[in-house]
Amino acid sequence: MELLSSEDAMIKQARMWMIGASAALWLLALPAQANELGDLVRSGDVAAVTSALDKGAAIDEIDGVTALYIACETGNAALAELLITRGADVNLPVSWQRTPLYAATRAGFADIVKLLLGHGADPNQLAKAQTPLHVAAEAGCLACVTSLVEAGAEVNALTSNGSPPIHLAKLAGHDDVVAYLTSHGAHGPDIAAISPRLASADAQAGKEIFGKSCAACHLSAPGLKVPKRANLWGIVGRPKGSQGDVAYSASLKQAGGSWSFEDLNAFISNPALTLPGTDMSFPGLADETQRADLIAYLRTLSETPLPLPDK
């Protein structure tokens, strides 16, 4: 094995260090354009962004977020339009599937929402398990909501836990958004009547469903009282929101009427879709047989159960 003098060894070590440093600098330089472009967008310097793009900056490079996402999040319509006209992907998601449209709707920048939609942004693309309309409705941006609906947003789209946009708007107190969505197709669940199935429903199976899905929040024995837990004894045929010791949501208090078999069917299928603004945090039972069994069991929670409806 060849032995190196201390001087040769030092020279070789220096050369290796220089090679390693050059490689490191080269690697650091790879995302520099994207970092620089994002920083320029954050600074709001249109001329500098234009110059960077002219020099070949990667317009859709994701460095945490994209340049277009930054422009939409910060409300810079001029830069958003520049980036879009230079080829930025209006539907490109970053982490958590967040899109430029998500950023603009969340911040309430209606002009940018309209700009994105006009350049092909998908009004129904999910971000963080919700559509842009959910985000806009919860934020209370009526102009954003209007643009999204006009662009084809699904008014009754549901989040992963079964919430439609109108439910989020109602919870947040955005009455103007609630009124708009109501007048543009927001409605309760499209389900078949449950009455014809009740005669053959299995109340014992319904009791098991109650134990798994309802018992944590509701009581089922006469005279029993526990704070913040509504007692469903006698619920079938009882006026809505009528238990004096329960703090019902405003939506339920204002609903009016009594709990008929069909009202229970709709509510159990999806509380937030049936009664937007309810504080019932339950996604609902999609299975019709399970709903029939559960309602059959609820009917038994009475000394004088309501007669079954005619088929």
Protein backbone atom coordinates (compact mmCIF):
# COMPACT_ATOMS: atom_id res chain seq x y z
CA MET A 1 0.00 0.00 0.00
CA GLU A 2 1.38 3.40 -0.97
CA LEU A 3 2.16 5.68 1.93
CA LEU A 4 1.52 9.39 1.49
CA SER A 5 3.61 12.12 3.00
CA SER A 6 1.85 14.39 5.44
CA GLU A 7 1.96 17.15 2.79
CA ASP A 8 0.44 14.89 0.11
CA ALA A 9 -2.22 13.76 2.52
CA MET A 10 -3.14 17.34 3.32
CA ILE A 11 -3.35 18.19 -0.39
CA LYS A 12 -5.55 15.14 -1.09
CA GLN A 13 -7.80 15.98 1.86
CA ALA A 14 -8.15 19.56 0.64
CA ARG A 15 -9.07 18.35 -2.85
CA MET A 16 -11.69 15.98 -1.44
CA TRP A 17 -13.11 18.77 0.66
CA MET A 18 -13.34 21.04 -2.39
CA ILE A 19 -15.07 18.32 -4.40
CA GLY A 20 -17.51 17.67 -1.56
CA ALA A 21 -18.17 21.37 -1.06
CA SER A 22 -18.79 21.85 -4.80
CA ALA A 23 -21.25 18.94 -4.81
CA ALA A 24 -23.04 20.32 -1.79
CA LEU A 25 -23.28 23.74 -3.39
CA TRP A 26 -24.62 22.15 -6.57
CA LEU A 27 -27.26 20.24 -4.62
CA LEU A 28 -28.27 23.36 -2.74
CA ALA A 29 -28.60 25.20 -6.02
CA LEU A 30 -31.17 22.74 -7.39
CA PRO A 31 -34.24 24.06 -5.53
CA ALA A 32 -32.94 27.62 -5.38
CA GLN A 33 -35.15 28.82 -8.22
CA ALA A 34 -38.25 27.49 -6.51
CA ASN A 35 -37.25 28.96 -3.17
CA GLU A 36 -36.37 32.24 -4.82
CA LEU A 37 -39.61 32.35 -6.78
CA GLY A 38 -41.67 31.67 -3.67
CA ASP A 39 -39.82 34.37 -1.76
CA LEU A 40 -40.33 36.82 -4.60
CA VAL A 41 -44.05 36.05 -4.66
CA ARG A 42 -44.24 36.58 -0.91
CA SER A 43 -42.54 39.95 -1.33
CA GLY A 44 -45.14 40.93 -3.94
CA ASP A 45 -42.50 42.04 -6.47
CA VAL A 46 -44.21 41.49 -9.83
CA ALA A 47 -41.19 42.66 -11.86
CA ALA A 48 -38.84 40.34 -9.99
CA VAL A 49 -41.19 37.38 -10.39
CA THR A 50 -41.48 38.13 -14.12
CA SER A 51 -37.71 38.25 -14.41
CA ALA A 52 -37.31 34.96 -12.55
CA LEU A 53 -39.84 33.28 -14.81
CA ASP A 54 -38.07 34.66 -17.90
CA LYS A 55 -34.87 33.05 -16.60
CA GLY A 56 -36.55 29.67 -16.31
CA ALA A 57 -37.72 29.47 -12.70
CA ALA A 58 -39.73 26.29 -12.12
CA ILE A 59 -43.24 27.67 -11.83
CA ASP A 60 -44.87 24.55 -10.38
CA GLU A 61 -42.03 23.49 -8.11
CA ILE A 62 -43.38 22.44 -4.72
CA ASP A 63 -41.21 23.70 -1.91
CA GLY A 64 -43.72 23.20 0.87
CA VAL A 65 -46.19 25.07 -1.35
CA THR A 66 -46.16 26.43 -4.89
CA ALA A 67 -45.67 30.01 -6.01
CA LEU A 68 -49.32 30.15 -7.10
CA TYR A 69 -50.48 28.84 -3.74
CA ILE A 70 -48.54 31.62 -2.03
CA ALA A 71 -50.06 34.27 -4.29
CA CYS A 72 -53.56 32.96 -3.60
CA GLU A 73 -52.99 32.64 0.13
CA THR A 74 -51.66 36.19 0.41
CA GLY A 75 -54.33 37.71 -1.81
CA ASN A 76 -52.06 38.98 -4.59
CA ALA A 77 -54.37 38.82 -7.60
CA ALA A 78 -51.84 40.41 -9.97
CA LEU A 79 -49.22 37.78 -9.21
CA ALA A 80 -51.78 34.98 -9.29
CA GLU A 81 -52.84 36.07 -12.78
CA LEU A 82 -49.22 36.40 -13.92
CA LEU A 83 -48.37 32.90 -12.72
CA ILE A 84 -51.49 31.42 -14.30
CA THR A 85 -50.85 33.07 -17.67
CA ARG A 86 -47.28 31.75 -17.52
CA GLY A 87 -48.53 28.20 -17.10
CA ALA A 88 -49.00 27.55 -13.39
CA ASP A 89 -51.25 24.55 -12.68
CA VAL A 90 -54.38 25.88 -10.99
CA ASN A 91 -55.30 22.44 -9.65
CA LEU A 92 -51.88 21.32 -8.39
CA PRO A 93 -52.22 20.22 -4.74
CA VAL A 94 -49.55 20.56 -2.08
CA SER A 95 -49.55 18.91 1.36
CA TRP A 96 -52.97 17.78 2.68
CA GLN A 97 -54.20 18.07 -0.94
CA ARG A 98 -54.46 21.83 -0.49
CA THR A 99 -54.98 23.65 -3.78
CA PRO A 100 -54.72 27.30 -4.82
CA LEU A 101 -58.52 27.42 -4.73
CA TYR A 102 -58.49 26.13 -1.15
CA ALA A 103 -56.04 28.89 -0.18
CA ALA A 104 -58.13 31.63 -1.79
CA THR A 105 -61.48 30.46 -0.40
CA ARG A 106 -60.11 29.94 3.10
CA ALA A 107 -58.80 33.53 3.13
CA GLY A 108 -61.93 34.92 1.46
CA PHE A 109 -60.23 36.41 -1.59
CA ALA A 110 -63.23 36.39 -3.91
CA ASP A 111 -61.43 38.00 -6.84
CA ILE A 112 -58.79 35.27 -6.86
CA VAL A 113 -61.44 32.56 -6.48
CA LYS A 114 -63.15 33.90 -9.59
CA LEU A 115 -59.81 34.14 -11.41
CA LEU A 116 -58.91 30.53 -10.63
CA LEU A 117 -62.31 29.22 -11.63
CA GLY A 118 -62.12 31.18 -14.86
CA HIS A 119 -58.87 29.38 -15.67
CA GLY A 120 -60.13 25.87 -15.05
CA ALA A 121 -59.86 25.34 -11.29
CA ASP A 122 -62.02 22.40 -10.24
CA PRO A 123 -64.79 23.70 -7.92
CA ASN A 124 -65.22 20.21 -6.45
CA GLN A 125 -61.60 19.18 -5.90
CA LEU A 126 -61.16 17.92 -2.35
CA ALA A 127 -58.66 19.52 -0.01
CA LYS A 128 -58.38 18.32 3.59
CA ALA A 129 -61.45 16.13 3.03
CA GLN A 130 -63.71 19.02 2.01
CA THR A 131 -64.63 20.88 -1.15
CA PRO A 132 -63.89 24.56 -1.81
CA LEU A 133 -67.58 25.27 -1.18
CA HIS A 134 -67.30 23.85 2.33
CA VAL A 135 -64.33 26.12 2.97
CA ALA A 136 -66.03 29.22 1.57
CA ALA A 137 -69.30 28.52 3.41
CA GLU A 138 -67.54 28.11 6.73
CA ALA A 139 -65.48 31.25 6.11
CA GLY A 140 -68.63 33.20 5.28
CA CYS A 141 -67.43 34.49 1.92
CA LEU A 142 -70.71 34.90 0.02
CA ALA A 143 -68.97 36.14 -3.15
CA CYS A 144 -66.74 33.05 -3.08
CA VAL A 145 -69.76 30.80 -2.55
CA THR A 146 -71.58 32.45 -5.45
CA SER A 147 -68.66 32.00 -7.85
CA LEU A 148 -68.20 28.38 -6.84
CA VAL A 149 -71.88 27.49 -7.27
CA GLU A 150 -71.99 29.24 -10.64
CA ALA A 151 -68.92 27.23 -11.67
CA GLY A 152 -70.62 23.93 -10.82
CA ALA A 153 -69.80 23.30 -7.17
CA GLU A 154 -71.96 20.56 -5.66
CA VAL A 155 -74.22 22.34 -3.18
CA ASN A 156 -74.96 19.17 -1.21
CA ALA A 157 -71.46 17.67 -1.22
CA LEU A 158 -70.53 16.00 2.05
CA THR A 159 -67.34 15.99 4.07
CA SER A 160 -65.98 12.70 5.39
CA ASN A 161 -68.16 13.10 8.50
CA GLY A 162 -71.31 13.84 6.52
CA SER A 163 -71.47 17.64 6.68
CA PRO A 164 -72.81 19.68 3.74
CA PRO A 165 -71.65 23.28 3.12
CA ILE A 166 -74.88 24.74 4.50
CA HIS A 167 -74.30 22.99 7.82
CA LEU A 168 -70.90 24.66 8.23
CA ALA A 169 -72.34 28.04 7.27
CA LYS A 170 -75.18 27.61 9.75
CA LEU A 171 -72.84 26.65 12.58
CA ALA A 172 -70.69 29.70 11.88
CA GLY A 173 -73.70 32.04 11.81
CA HIS A 174 -73.38 33.09 8.16
CA ASP A 175 -77.09 33.59 7.45
CA ASP A 176 -76.50 35.19 4.04
CA VAL A 177 -74.61 32.11 2.88
CA VAL A 178 -77.29 29.84 4.33
CA ALA A 179 -80.00 31.74 2.44
CA TYR A 180 -78.03 31.60 -0.81
CA LEU A 181 -77.36 27.88 -0.56
CA THR A 182 -80.99 27.21 0.34
CA SER A 183 -82.15 29.07 -2.75
CA HIS A 184 -79.62 27.23 -4.92
CA GLY A 185 -80.47 23.63 -4.17
CA ALA A 186 -79.37 22.80 -0.64
CA HIS A 187 -81.78 20.21 0.69
CA GLY A 188 -82.16 17.24 2.99
CA PRO A 189 -81.23 13.65 2.16
CA ASP A 190 -82.80 11.88 -0.80
CA ILE A 191 -84.08 8.73 0.87
CA ALA A 192 -87.08 6.45 0.55
CA ALA A 193 -89.88 6.53 3.10
CA ILE A 194 -89.24 4.21 6.03
CA SER A 195 -92.86 3.59 7.01
CA PRO A 196 -93.38 0.55 4.71
CA ARG A 197 -90.41 -1.21 6.33
CA LEU A 198 -91.30 -0.73 9.99
CA ALA A 199 -93.75 -3.65 10.33
CA SER A 200 -91.00 -6.12 9.43
CA ALA A 201 -88.17 -4.27 11.21
CA ASP A 202 -86.19 -5.96 13.97
CA ALA A 203 -86.46 -3.91 17.19
CA GLN A 204 -83.91 -6.12 18.96
CA ALA A 205 -81.36 -5.42 16.24
CA GLY A 206 -82.28 -1.77 16.61
CA LYS A 207 -81.52 -1.95 20.32
CA GLU A 208 -78.03 -3.23 19.51
CA ILE A 209 -77.54 -0.39 17.03
CA PHE A 210 -78.68 2.06 19.69
CA GLY A 211 -76.12 0.67 22.11
CA LYS A 212 -73.29 1.06 19.61
CA SER A 213 -74.24 4.36 17.98
CA CYS A 214 -76.52 6.32 20.29
CA ALA A 215 -76.14 5.30 23.94
CA ALA A 216 -73.00 7.36 24.52
CA CYS A 217 -75.01 10.56 24.08
CA HIS A 218 -78.64 9.54 24.71
CA LEU A 219 -80.66 7.92 27.48
CA SER A 220 -83.48 5.43 27.00
CA ALA A 221 -85.25 4.98 30.34
CA PRO A 222 -88.27 6.85 31.75
CA GLY A 223 -87.47 9.67 34.15
CA LEU A 224 -83.71 9.27 33.84
CA LYS A 225 -81.72 12.52 33.74
CA VAL A 226 -78.03 13.05 33.06
CA PRO A 227 -76.60 16.49 32.20
CA LYS A 228 -76.17 17.10 28.45
CA ARG A 229 -77.76 13.77 27.48
CA ALA A 230 -81.18 13.85 25.87
CA ASN A 231 -83.54 11.09 26.97
CA LEU A 232 -85.18 9.37 24.01
CA TRP A 233 -87.88 7.69 26.08
CA GLY A 234 -91.09 8.63 24.29
CA ILE A 235 -89.22 10.24 21.39
CA VAL A 236 -91.55 8.92 18.68
CA GLY A 237 -94.35 11.49 18.38
CA ARG A 238 -92.75 13.91 20.87
CA PRO A 239 -92.37 17.61 19.96
CA LYS A 240 -88.86 18.40 18.78
CA GLY A 241 -86.52 20.09 21.23
CA SER A 242 -88.97 19.72 24.10
CA GLN A 243 -86.88 18.21 26.90
CA GLY A 244 -86.50 21.08 29.33
CA ASP A 245 -83.10 20.19 30.78
CA VAL A 246 -81.31 19.84 27.41
CA ALA A 247 -79.54 22.69 25.64
CA TYR A 248 -80.73 22.04 22.09
CA SER A 249 -79.21 23.73 19.07
CA ALA A 250 -81.04 26.71 17.63
CA SER A 251 -81.76 24.66 14.52
CA LEU A 252 -83.59 22.00 16.46
CA LYS A 253 -85.47 24.54 18.56
CA GLN A 254 -86.66 26.25 15.38
CA ALA A 255 -87.51 23.05 13.51
CA GLY A 256 -91.04 22.76 14.85
CA GLY A 257 -93.32 19.77 14.65
CA SER A 258 -92.95 16.38 16.29
CA TRP A 259 -90.66 13.43 15.70
CA SER A 260 -92.63 11.38 13.21
CA PHE A 261 -91.30 8.12 11.82
CA GLU A 262 -90.22 9.87 8.64
CA ASP A 263 -88.64 12.82 10.46
CA LEU A 264 -86.60 10.36 12.51
CA ASN A 265 -85.68 8.48 9.35
CA ALA A 266 -84.33 11.60 7.67
CA PHE A 267 -82.50 12.83 10.77
CA ILE A 268 -80.90 9.49 11.54
CA SER A 269 -79.77 9.11 7.92
CA ASN A 270 -77.72 12.32 8.18
CA PRO A 271 -78.37 14.85 10.95
CA ALA A 272 -76.28 17.68 9.43
CA LEU A 273 -77.91 17.32 6.01
CA THR A 274 -81.42 17.06 7.43
CA LEU A 275 -81.10 19.84 10.00
CA PRO A 276 -78.14 22.12 9.20
CA GLY A 277 -76.69 23.68 12.32
CA THR A 278 -77.54 20.75 14.57
CA ASP A 279 -74.99 19.98 17.26
CA MET A 280 -75.55 16.26 16.69
CA SER A 281 -72.03 15.14 15.76
CA PHE A 282 -73.04 11.87 14.13
CA PRO A 283 -72.51 11.10 10.42
CA GLY A 284 -75.73 9.12 10.22
CA LEU A 285 -76.82 5.65 9.22
CA ALA A 286 -76.77 5.16 5.47
CA ASP A 287 -78.25 1.65 5.63
CA GLU A 288 -82.03 1.70 5.34
CA THR A 289 -82.49 -1.60 7.16
CA GLN A 290 -80.47 -0.36 10.13
CA ARG A 291 -82.53 2.82 10.27
CA ALA A 292 -85.77 0.85 10.20
CA ASP A 293 -84.54 -1.43 12.99
CA LEU A 294 -83.38 1.52 15.10
CA ILE A 295 -86.68 3.39 14.65
CA ALA A 296 -88.58 0.21 15.51
CA TYR A 297 -86.62 0.07 18.76
CA LEU A 298 -87.16 3.78 19.50
CA ARG A 299 -90.89 3.15 19.07
CA THR A 300 -90.74 0.65 21.96
CA LEU A 301 -89.40 3.33 24.31
CA SER A 302 -92.87 4.22 25.48
CA GLU A 303 -95.64 2.91 27.71
CA THR A 304 -98.01 3.45 24.80
CA PRO A 305 -96.01 3.02 21.56
CA LEU A 306 -97.30 4.98 18.60
CA PRO A 307 -99.22 2.75 16.16
CA LEU A 308 -97.29 1.62 13.15
CA PRO A 309 -98.14 3.58 10.00
CA ASP A 310 -100.22 2.02 7.27
CA LYS A 311 -98.17 0.53 4.46
